[in-house]
Amino acid sequence: MSKLRFKPAYNPYAEPSMEIFSYHEGFKKRVEVGNSGMFRPEMLLPPEDVRVIAWGLSLER
């Protein structure tokens, strides 16, 4: 991947968020390759009496 660009984005579960684009030589245009963000604080509160673990990586298809 080369020629990366980062763009602010909206995600209901994360703030701030951004989309990641890379230039695709075959398509001759930029394509989205990922998405990222910081969890909103209320998303990190565990439900009562439940153990929670989460992780993730978002790569576009």
C-alpha atoms as a PDB file:
ATOM      1  CA  MET A   1       0.000   0.000   0.000  1.00  0.00           C
ATOM      2  CA  SER A   2       1.173   3.459  -0.794  1.00  0.00           C
ATOM      3  CA  LYS A   3      -0.097   7.010  -1.016  1.00  0.00           C
ATOM      4  CA  LEU A   4      -2.248   6.702   2.103  1.00  0.00           C
ATOM      5  CA  ARG A   5      -4.851   9.334   2.951  1.00  0.00           C
ATOM      6  CA  PHE A   6      -6.857   9.689   6.130  1.00  0.00           C
ATOM      7  CA  LYS A   7     -10.354  11.213   6.258  1.00  0.00           C
ATOM      8  CA  PRO A   8     -12.531  11.992   9.297  1.00  0.00           C
ATOM      9  CA  ALA A   9     -15.580   9.717   9.405  1.00  0.00           C
ATOM     10  CA  TYR A  10     -18.713   9.001  11.426  1.00  0.00           C
ATOM     11  CA  ASN A  11     -19.117   5.753  13.348  1.00  0.00           C
ATOM     12  CA  PRO A  12     -21.906   5.431  15.927  1.00  0.00           C
ATOM     13  CA  TYR A  13     -19.658   3.525  18.359  1.00  0.00           C
ATOM     14  CA  ALA A  14     -16.436   5.533  18.033  1.00  0.00           C
ATOM     15  CA  GLU A  15     -15.408   9.185  18.312  1.00  0.00           C
ATOM     16  CA  PRO A  16     -13.162  10.417  16.762  1.00  0.00           C
ATOM     17  CA  SER A  17     -13.183   8.092  13.748  1.00  0.00           C
ATOM     18  CA  MET A  18     -11.408   8.035  10.409  1.00  0.00           C
ATOM     19  CA  GLU A  19     -11.323   6.144   7.121  1.00  0.00           C
ATOM     20  CA  ILE A  20      -8.046   5.097   5.492  1.00  0.00           C
ATOM     21  CA  PHE A  21      -7.622   5.213   1.711  1.00  0.00           C
ATOM     22  CA  SER A  22      -4.796   3.956  -0.499  1.00  0.00           C
ATOM     23  CA  TYR A  23      -4.151   4.598  -4.188  1.00  0.00           C
ATOM     24  CA  HIS A  24      -4.806   1.485  -6.305  1.00  0.00           C
ATOM     25  CA  GLU A  25      -2.637   1.406  -9.431  1.00  0.00           C
ATOM     26  CA  GLY A  26      -4.930  -1.073 -11.225  1.00  0.00           C
ATOM     27  CA  PHE A  27      -8.102   0.955 -10.647  1.00  0.00           C
ATOM     28  CA  LYS A  28      -6.262   4.283 -11.027  1.00  0.00           C
ATOM     29  CA  LYS A  29      -8.123   5.665  -8.018  1.00  0.00           C
ATOM     30  CA  ARG A  30      -8.142   5.663  -4.225  1.00  0.00           C
ATOM     31  CA  VAL A  31      -9.945   2.834  -2.449  1.00  0.00           C
ATOM     32  CA  GLU A  32     -10.936   2.567   1.202  1.00  0.00           C
ATOM     33  CA  VAL A  33      -8.756   0.015   2.985  1.00  0.00           C
ATOM     34  CA  GLY A  34      -9.746   0.510   6.598  1.00  0.00           C
ATOM     35  CA  ASN A  35     -11.620   2.326   9.301  1.00  0.00           C
ATOM     36  CA  SER A  36     -10.591   3.190  12.844  1.00  0.00           C
ATOM     37  CA  GLY A  37     -11.611   5.154  15.889  1.00  0.00           C
ATOM     38  CA  MET A  38     -11.604   5.503  19.655  1.00  0.00           C
ATOM     39  CA  PHE A  39     -14.500   3.831  21.481  1.00  0.00           C
ATOM     40  CA  ARG A  40     -16.920   6.292  23.032  1.00  0.00           C
ATOM     41  CA  PRO A  41     -16.695   6.026  26.857  1.00  0.00           C
ATOM     42  CA  GLU A  42     -20.249   4.683  27.209  1.00  0.00           C
ATOM     43  CA  MET A  43     -19.372   1.826  24.835  1.00  0.00           C
ATOM     44  CA  LEU A  44     -16.757   0.595  27.315  1.00  0.00           C
ATOM     45  CA  LEU A  45     -19.162   0.170  30.236  1.00  0.00           C
ATOM     46  CA  PRO A  46     -19.731  -3.576  30.768  1.00  0.00           C
ATOM     47  CA  PRO A  47     -23.263  -4.894  31.199  1.00  0.00           C
ATOM     48  CA  GLU A  48     -24.155  -5.865  34.760  1.00  0.00           C
ATOM     49  CA  ASP A  49     -23.004  -9.373  35.805  1.00  0.00           C
ATOM     50  CA  VAL A  50     -21.386 -10.083  32.417  1.00  0.00           C
ATOM     51  CA  ARG A  51     -17.682 -10.391  31.566  1.00  0.00           C
ATOM     52  CA  VAL A  52     -16.760  -8.669  28.344  1.00  0.00           C
ATOM     53  CA  ILE A  53     -13.698  -8.704  26.083  1.00  0.00           C
ATOM     54  CA  ALA A  54     -13.437  -7.182  22.635  1.00  0.00           C
ATOM     55  CA  TRP A  55     -10.889  -6.377  19.965  1.00  0.00           C
ATOM     56  CA  GLY A  56     -11.035  -5.730  16.278  1.00  0.00           C
ATOM     57  CA  LEU A  57      -9.474  -4.656  13.045  1.00  0.00           C
ATOM     58  CA  SER A  58     -11.530  -3.331  10.184  1.00  0.00           C
ATOM     59  CA  LEU A  59     -10.187  -4.033   6.718  1.00  0.00           C
ATOM     60  CA  GLU A  60     -12.392  -3.392   3.718  1.00  0.00           C
ATOM     61  CA  ARG A  61     -13.231  -6.108   1.219  1.00  0.00           C
END
